[in-house]
């Protein structure tokens, strides 16, 4: 089941990302959250900036408006004005 969260609902964003990142290391501060999965990571700010990386590619985008988290499927999809990007959690 996928859960869609608007970036303006920051507490809900952090809660969903903590659950999504539970198989790795989750670090939070007042304005950002970072998930580390060994060689892959996701970092997201309250202002709508996201950066992801894993071997062979990286992604960075500003202007994020919402994200969709699929805990069971191991994916995180972010939406910005003209961009959609899906990060797949290593190991599912």
C-alpha atoms as a PDB file:
ATOM      1  CA  UNK A   1       0.000   0.000   0.000  1.00  0.00           C
ATOM      2  CA  UNK A   2       1.346   3.405  -0.985  1.00  0.00           C
ATOM      3  CA  UNK A   3       1.045   6.494   1.184  1.00  0.00           C
ATOM      4  CA  UNK A   4       1.083   9.945  -0.411  1.00  0.00           C
ATOM      5  CA  UNK A   5       2.343  12.852   1.722  1.00  0.00           C
ATOM      6  CA  UNK A   6       2.618  16.561   0.908  1.00  0.00           C
ATOM      7  CA  UNK A   7       5.965  18.129   1.822  1.00  0.00           C
ATOM      8  CA  UNK A   8       4.098  20.768   3.873  1.00  0.00           C
ATOM      9  CA  UNK A   9       3.044  17.966   6.266  1.00  0.00           C
ATOM     10  CA  UNK A  10       6.608  17.724   7.582  1.00  0.00           C
ATOM     11  CA  UNK A  11       5.901  15.602  10.681  1.00  0.00           C
ATOM     12  CA  UNK A  12       4.102  13.042   8.508  1.00  0.00           C
ATOM     13  CA  UNK A  13       6.976  13.110   5.982  1.00  0.00           C
ATOM     14  CA  UNK A  14       9.509  12.396   8.738  1.00  0.00           C
ATOM     15  CA  UNK A  15       7.361   9.608  10.212  1.00  0.00           C
ATOM     16  CA  UNK A  16       6.980   7.888   6.833  1.00  0.00           C
ATOM     17  CA  UNK A  17      10.679   8.210   6.040  1.00  0.00           C
ATOM     18  CA  UNK A  18      11.667   6.812   9.454  1.00  0.00           C
ATOM     19  CA  UNK A  19       9.558   3.756   8.711  1.00  0.00           C
ATOM     20  CA  UNK A  20      10.853   3.506   5.131  1.00  0.00           C
ATOM     21  CA  UNK A  21      14.457   3.761   6.350  1.00  0.00           C
ATOM     22  CA  UNK A  22      14.130   1.372   9.283  1.00  0.00           C
ATOM     23  CA  UNK A  23      16.433  -1.178   7.604  1.00  0.00           C
ATOM     24  CA  UNK A  24      19.206   1.441   7.462  1.00  0.00           C
ATOM     25  CA  UNK A  25      20.320   4.456   9.481  1.00  0.00           C
ATOM     26  CA  UNK A  26      17.892   7.376   9.832  1.00  0.00           C
ATOM     27  CA  UNK A  27      19.155  10.811  10.896  1.00  0.00           C
ATOM     28  CA  UNK A  28      16.830  13.764  11.460  1.00  0.00           C
ATOM     29  CA  UNK A  29      17.151  17.399  12.410  1.00  0.00           C
ATOM     30  CA  UNK A  30      14.645  20.223  12.542  1.00  0.00           C
ATOM     31  CA  UNK A  31      14.678  20.805   8.794  1.00  0.00           C
ATOM     32  CA  UNK A  32      15.942  17.622   7.149  1.00  0.00           C
ATOM     33  CA  UNK A  33      15.999  13.837   7.223  1.00  0.00           C
ATOM     34  CA  UNK A  34      18.646  11.469   5.834  1.00  0.00           C
ATOM     35  CA  UNK A  35      18.339   7.733   5.211  1.00  0.00           C
ATOM     36  CA  UNK A  36      21.518   5.698   4.727  1.00  0.00           C
ATOM     37  CA  UNK A  37      21.419   2.175   3.318  1.00  0.00           C
ATOM     38  CA  UNK A  38      25.146   1.454   3.073  1.00  0.00           C
ATOM     39  CA  UNK A  39      26.025   2.474  -0.473  1.00  0.00           C
ATOM     40  CA  UNK A  40      22.711   4.293  -1.085  1.00  0.00           C
ATOM     41  CA  UNK A  41      21.106   7.323   0.564  1.00  0.00           C
ATOM     42  CA  UNK A  42      18.139   9.701   0.483  1.00  0.00           C
ATOM     43  CA  UNK A  43      18.302  13.192   1.965  1.00  0.00           C
ATOM     44  CA  UNK A  44      15.280  15.489   2.080  1.00  0.00           C
ATOM     45  CA  UNK A  45      14.767  19.013   3.414  1.00  0.00           C
ATOM     46  CA  UNK A  46      11.661  20.704   4.732  1.00  0.00           C
ATOM     47  CA  UNK A  47      12.060  23.304   1.957  1.00  0.00           C
ATOM     48  CA  UNK A  48      11.501  20.653  -0.735  1.00  0.00           C
ATOM     49  CA  UNK A  49      15.059  19.740  -1.748  1.00  0.00           C
ATOM     50  CA  UNK A  50      15.955  16.075  -2.251  1.00  0.00           C
ATOM     51  CA  UNK A  51      19.196  14.311  -3.020  1.00  0.00           C
ATOM     52  CA  UNK A  52      19.626  10.581  -3.573  1.00  0.00           C
ATOM     53  CA  UNK A  53      22.532   8.437  -4.563  1.00  0.00           C
ATOM     54  CA  UNK A  54      23.628   4.892  -5.128  1.00  0.00           C
ATOM     55  CA  UNK A  55      26.317   3.261  -7.247  1.00  0.00           C
ATOM     56  CA  UNK A  56      26.177   4.478 -10.844  1.00  0.00           C
ATOM     57  CA  UNK A  57      23.738   7.359 -10.358  1.00  0.00           C
ATOM     58  CA  UNK A  58      22.650  10.327  -8.289  1.00  0.00           C
ATOM     59  CA  UNK A  59      19.570  12.525  -8.323  1.00  0.00           C
ATOM     60  CA  UNK A  60      19.027  16.019  -6.960  1.00  0.00           C
ATOM     61  CA  UNK A  61      15.926  18.200  -7.265  1.00  0.00           C
ATOM     62  CA  UNK A  62      14.556  21.330  -5.680  1.00  0.00           C
ATOM     63  CA  UNK A  63      10.858  22.186  -5.595  1.00  0.00           C
ATOM     64  CA  UNK A  64       9.578  18.872  -4.283  1.00  0.00           C
ATOM     65  CA  UNK A  65       5.846  19.058  -3.551  1.00  0.00           C
ATOM     66  CA  UNK A  66       4.914  15.544  -2.473  1.00  0.00           C
ATOM     67  CA  UNK A  67       6.188  12.042  -2.066  1.00  0.00           C
ATOM     68  CA  UNK A  68       4.687   8.596  -2.255  1.00  0.00           C
ATOM     69  CA  UNK A  69       6.065   5.899   0.021  1.00  0.00           C
ATOM     70  CA  UNK A  70       5.473   2.221  -0.695  1.00  0.00           C
ATOM     71  CA  UNK A  71       6.815   0.477   2.401  1.00  0.00           C
ATOM     72  CA  UNK A  72       6.000  -3.039   1.186  1.00  0.00           C
ATOM     73  CA  UNK A  73       7.368  -2.463  -2.302  1.00  0.00           C
ATOM     74  CA  UNK A  74      10.445  -0.611  -1.049  1.00  0.00           C
ATOM     75  CA  UNK A  75      10.019   2.491  -3.201  1.00  0.00           C
ATOM     76  CA  UNK A  76       9.904   6.216  -2.610  1.00  0.00           C
ATOM     77  CA  UNK A  77       8.563   8.385  -5.442  1.00  0.00           C
ATOM     78  CA  UNK A  78       8.979  12.155  -5.373  1.00  0.00           C
ATOM     79  CA  UNK A  79       7.024  14.684  -7.400  1.00  0.00           C
ATOM     80  CA  UNK A  80       8.132  18.182  -8.386  1.00  0.00           C
ATOM     81  CA  UNK A  81       6.675  20.590 -10.928  1.00  0.00           C
ATOM     82  CA  UNK A  82       7.917  18.694 -13.996  1.00  0.00           C
ATOM     83  CA  UNK A  83       9.782  15.731 -12.487  1.00  0.00           C
ATOM     84  CA  UNK A  84       8.904  12.352 -11.082  1.00  0.00           C
ATOM     85  CA  UNK A  85      11.654  10.161  -9.632  1.00  0.00           C
ATOM     86  CA  UNK A  86      11.489   6.776  -7.888  1.00  0.00           C
ATOM     87  CA  UNK A  87      14.141   5.598  -5.423  1.00  0.00           C
ATOM     88  CA  UNK A  88      14.180   1.870  -4.714  1.00  0.00           C
ATOM     89  CA  UNK A  89      15.406   0.837  -1.279  1.00  0.00           C
ATOM     90  CA  UNK A  90      18.303  -1.635  -1.503  1.00  0.00           C
ATOM     91  CA  UNK A  91      17.050  -5.065  -0.500  1.00  0.00           C
ATOM     92  CA  UNK A  92      13.410  -4.122  -1.141  1.00  0.00           C
END
